[in-house]
Structure formats: C-alpha cells, structure tokens
Amino acid sequence: MWVCYFDRDHSRDITEHNKNYPEDKRESFSWVVGYYNPHGIFQQWTAFPYKWEAEENVHYLNGGCTKTCQDWK
C-alpha cells in the first residue's frame, strides 16, 4: 500500500537554507510518497510540495481513479 507523510525535517532544512541564502531559494517538496517494503523499511518514490498532490497520487497508486478518469464516468 502506498502512503504519504509530511517530512518535517526536509521542510525545516529548506526554510533554514532560504533564510540564510535568499539569493539561492529552493522549493520545499515536503510531502513524501512511498511504501513500506516487506522488511518494514520505507521506500520513498517521490515528493510533492502540496498535500493534495501527494494524496491524489497515493489514491491513484492504491488503485483509485484520477480526476480525468472520474470525468469519463
């Protein structure tokens, strides 16, 4: 099963970087999508800047319908 979570450490690091280096601002991709392998270790697939994007991808990866798919019905 695919899951997502908020990576608080990544968000904190990017915020700190942007504060210290305003000329080199970076975008935070704090919502991580992945799954737990059979050994219980989290395997990251990708990350998104917004919660709704991560949730939409988790829904699709778990067999749900995308917005495009829903429009066809």
N, C-alpha and C. Protein backbone atom coordinates (compact mmCIF):
# COMPACT_ATOMS: atom_id res chain seq x y z
N MET A 1 0.84 -1.17 0.00
CA MET A 1 0.00 0.00 0.00
C MET A 1 0.89 1.24 0.00
N TRP A 2 0.53 2.21 -0.81
CA TRP A 2 1.25 3.47 -0.90
C TRP A 2 0.75 4.42 0.17
N VAL A 3 1.64 5.21 0.74
CA VAL A 3 1.30 6.17 1.78
C VAL A 3 2.02 7.50 1.53
N CYS A 4 1.58 8.55 2.21
CA CYS A 4 2.31 9.81 2.16
C CYS A 4 2.42 10.37 3.58
N TYR A 5 3.44 11.19 3.80
CA TYR A 5 3.61 11.83 5.08
C TYR A 5 4.35 13.16 4.89
N PHE A 6 4.23 14.03 5.86
CA PHE A 6 4.90 15.33 5.83
C PHE A 6 6.30 15.17 6.40
N ASP A 7 7.30 15.51 5.58
CA ASP A 7 8.70 15.40 6.01
C ASP A 7 9.11 16.71 6.70
N ARG A 8 8.91 16.76 7.97
CA ARG A 8 9.17 17.97 8.76
C ARG A 8 10.64 18.36 8.73
N ASP A 9 11.56 17.40 8.72
CA ASP A 9 12.99 17.71 8.71
C ASP A 9 13.39 18.39 7.40
N HIS A 10 12.88 17.87 6.28
CA HIS A 10 13.19 18.47 4.98
C HIS A 10 12.66 19.90 4.92
N SER A 11 11.44 20.10 5.36
CA SER A 11 10.83 21.42 5.34
C SER A 11 11.63 22.40 6.20
N ARG A 12 12.05 21.96 7.37
CA ARG A 12 12.85 22.81 8.25
C ARG A 12 14.18 23.17 7.60
N ASP A 13 14.84 22.18 6.97
CA ASP A 13 16.13 22.43 6.33
C ASP A 13 16.01 23.42 5.17
N ILE A 14 14.96 23.28 4.36
CA ILE A 14 14.77 24.19 3.23
C ILE A 14 14.46 25.59 3.73
N THR A 15 13.62 25.71 4.75
CA THR A 15 13.30 27.01 5.33
C THR A 15 14.56 27.69 5.86
N GLU A 16 15.39 26.94 6.54
CA GLU A 16 16.65 27.47 7.07
C GLU A 16 17.58 27.90 5.93
N HIS A 17 17.69 27.08 4.90
CA HIS A 17 18.53 27.42 3.75
C HIS A 17 18.05 28.73 3.09
N ASN A 18 16.74 28.83 2.87
CA ASN A 18 16.19 30.03 2.21
C ASN A 18 16.39 31.28 3.05
N LYS A 19 16.39 31.12 4.38
CA LYS A 19 16.62 32.26 5.25
C LYS A 19 18.09 32.70 5.18
N ASN A 20 19.01 31.74 5.14
CA ASN A 20 20.43 32.04 5.13
C ASN A 20 20.98 32.41 3.75
N TYR A 21 20.33 31.90 2.70
CA TYR A 21 20.80 32.15 1.32
C TYR A 21 19.62 32.63 0.46
N PRO A 22 19.16 33.86 0.67
CA PRO A 22 17.99 34.34 -0.09
C PRO A 22 18.21 34.40 -1.59
N GLU A 23 19.45 34.49 -2.02
CA GLU A 23 19.74 34.53 -3.46
C GLU A 23 19.65 33.14 -4.11
N ASP A 24 19.63 32.09 -3.30
CA ASP A 24 19.57 30.71 -3.80
C ASP A 24 18.37 29.99 -3.17
N LYS A 25 17.18 30.59 -3.33
CA LYS A 25 15.97 29.98 -2.73
C LYS A 25 15.65 28.65 -3.38
N ARG A 26 15.21 27.72 -2.57
CA ARG A 26 14.84 26.38 -3.04
C ARG A 26 13.39 26.10 -2.67
N GLU A 27 12.73 25.31 -3.50
CA GLU A 27 11.35 24.94 -3.23
C GLU A 27 11.33 23.70 -2.34
N SER A 28 10.43 23.71 -1.40
CA SER A 28 10.31 22.59 -0.49
C SER A 28 9.33 21.55 -1.04
N PHE A 29 9.81 20.33 -1.14
CA PHE A 29 8.97 19.19 -1.52
C PHE A 29 8.80 18.33 -0.28
N SER A 30 7.90 18.76 0.58
CA SER A 30 7.80 18.18 1.92
C SER A 30 6.88 16.98 2.05
N TRP A 31 6.01 16.74 1.06
CA TRP A 31 5.07 15.62 1.15
C TRP A 31 5.64 14.43 0.40
N VAL A 32 6.08 13.44 1.14
CA VAL A 32 6.77 12.27 0.60
C VAL A 32 5.77 11.15 0.32
N VAL A 33 5.91 10.52 -0.84
CA VAL A 33 5.06 9.39 -1.23
C VAL A 33 5.96 8.16 -1.37
N GLY A 34 5.51 7.06 -0.83
CA GLY A 34 6.27 5.82 -0.93
C GLY A 34 5.48 4.66 -0.34
N TYR A 35 6.21 3.61 -0.01
CA TYR A 35 5.57 2.41 0.55
C TYR A 35 6.56 1.73 1.49
N TYR A 36 6.04 0.85 2.31
CA TYR A 36 6.88 0.05 3.20
C TYR A 36 7.14 -1.30 2.54
N ASN A 37 8.43 -1.66 2.44
CA ASN A 37 8.76 -2.95 1.83
C ASN A 37 8.48 -4.07 2.82
N PRO A 38 8.60 -5.33 2.41
CA PRO A 38 8.28 -6.45 3.31
C PRO A 38 9.12 -6.49 4.60
N HIS A 39 10.25 -5.78 4.60
CA HIS A 39 11.11 -5.74 5.79
C HIS A 39 10.74 -4.59 6.72
N GLY A 40 9.70 -3.82 6.35
CA GLY A 40 9.26 -2.71 7.18
C GLY A 40 10.02 -1.42 6.98
N ILE A 41 10.81 -1.36 5.92
CA ILE A 41 11.60 -0.17 5.63
C ILE A 41 10.85 0.68 4.60
N PHE A 42 10.75 1.99 4.88
CA PHE A 42 10.04 2.88 3.98
C PHE A 42 10.87 3.13 2.73
N GLN A 43 10.26 2.95 1.57
CA GLN A 43 10.90 3.20 0.28
C GLN A 43 10.25 4.43 -0.35
N GLN A 44 11.01 5.52 -0.42
CA GLN A 44 10.47 6.75 -0.99
C GLN A 44 10.38 6.64 -2.50
N TRP A 45 9.24 7.06 -3.05
CA TRP A 45 9.06 7.08 -4.50
C TRP A 45 9.32 8.47 -5.03
N THR A 46 8.63 9.47 -4.50
CA THR A 46 8.83 10.86 -4.91
C THR A 46 8.29 11.78 -3.83
N ALA A 47 8.39 13.08 -4.06
CA ALA A 47 7.88 14.07 -3.09
C ALA A 47 7.17 15.19 -3.84
N PHE A 48 6.23 15.82 -3.13
CA PHE A 48 5.42 16.88 -3.72
C PHE A 48 5.41 18.08 -2.77
N PRO A 49 5.24 19.29 -3.32
CA PRO A 49 5.20 20.47 -2.45
C PRO A 49 3.86 20.64 -1.73
N TYR A 50 2.81 20.04 -2.25
CA TYR A 50 1.47 20.24 -1.68
C TYR A 50 0.85 18.91 -1.25
N LYS A 51 0.14 18.98 -0.13
CA LYS A 51 -0.51 17.78 0.42
C LYS A 51 -1.49 17.17 -0.57
N TRP A 52 -2.30 18.00 -1.25
CA TRP A 52 -3.32 17.47 -2.15
C TRP A 52 -2.69 16.69 -3.30
N GLU A 53 -1.51 17.10 -3.76
CA GLU A 53 -0.84 16.37 -4.83
C GLU A 53 -0.40 14.99 -4.34
N ALA A 54 0.17 14.95 -3.15
CA ALA A 54 0.62 13.67 -2.58
C ALA A 54 -0.57 12.75 -2.36
N GLU A 55 -1.65 13.28 -1.79
CA GLU A 55 -2.83 12.45 -1.53
C GLU A 55 -3.45 11.93 -2.82
N GLU A 56 -3.49 12.77 -3.85
CA GLU A 56 -4.06 12.35 -5.13
C GLU A 56 -3.23 11.21 -5.75
N ASN A 57 -1.92 11.32 -5.66
CA ASN A 57 -1.06 10.28 -6.21
C ASN A 57 -1.16 8.99 -5.40
N VAL A 58 -1.24 9.08 -4.09
CA VAL A 58 -1.41 7.89 -3.25
C VAL A 58 -2.72 7.21 -3.59
N HIS A 59 -3.77 7.98 -3.76
CA HIS A 59 -5.08 7.43 -4.12
C HIS A 59 -4.99 6.66 -5.45
N TYR A 60 -4.34 7.27 -6.43
CA TYR A 60 -4.19 6.63 -7.75
C TYR A 60 -3.32 5.38 -7.65
N LEU A 61 -2.18 5.48 -6.95
CA LEU A 61 -1.27 4.33 -6.84
C LEU A 61 -1.91 3.16 -6.10
N ASN A 62 -2.85 3.45 -5.21
CA ASN A 62 -3.56 2.39 -4.49
C ASN A 62 -4.78 1.88 -5.24
N GLY A 63 -4.90 2.25 -6.52
CA GLY A 63 -5.98 1.72 -7.36
C GLY A 63 -7.17 2.63 -7.51
N GLY A 64 -7.07 3.84 -7.00
CA GLY A 64 -8.17 4.79 -7.12
C GLY A 64 -8.20 5.43 -8.50
N CYS A 65 -9.23 6.19 -8.73
CA CYS A 65 -9.46 6.84 -10.01
C CYS A 65 -8.90 8.27 -9.97
N THR A 66 -8.29 8.70 -11.06
CA THR A 66 -7.81 10.07 -11.15
C THR A 66 -8.96 10.99 -11.50
N LYS A 67 -8.74 12.31 -11.44
CA LYS A 67 -9.79 13.26 -11.81
C LYS A 67 -10.18 13.08 -13.27
N THR A 68 -9.22 12.82 -14.14
CA THR A 68 -9.52 12.58 -15.55
C THR A 68 -10.40 11.36 -15.71
N CYS A 69 -10.08 10.31 -15.00
CA CYS A 69 -10.86 9.08 -15.03
C CYS A 69 -12.29 9.34 -14.54
N GLN A 70 -12.43 10.13 -13.49
CA GLN A 70 -13.74 10.44 -12.94
C GLN A 70 -14.59 11.22 -13.94
N ASP A 71 -13.94 12.08 -14.74
CA ASP A 71 -14.66 12.87 -15.73
C ASP A 71 -15.25 12.00 -16.84
N TRP A 72 -14.66 10.83 -17.07
CA TRP A 72 -15.14 9.93 -18.13
C TRP A 72 -16.43 9.23 -17.73
N LYS A 73 -16.65 9.10 -16.45
CA LYS A 73 -17.83 8.35 -15.96
C LYS A 73 -19.11 9.11 -16.19
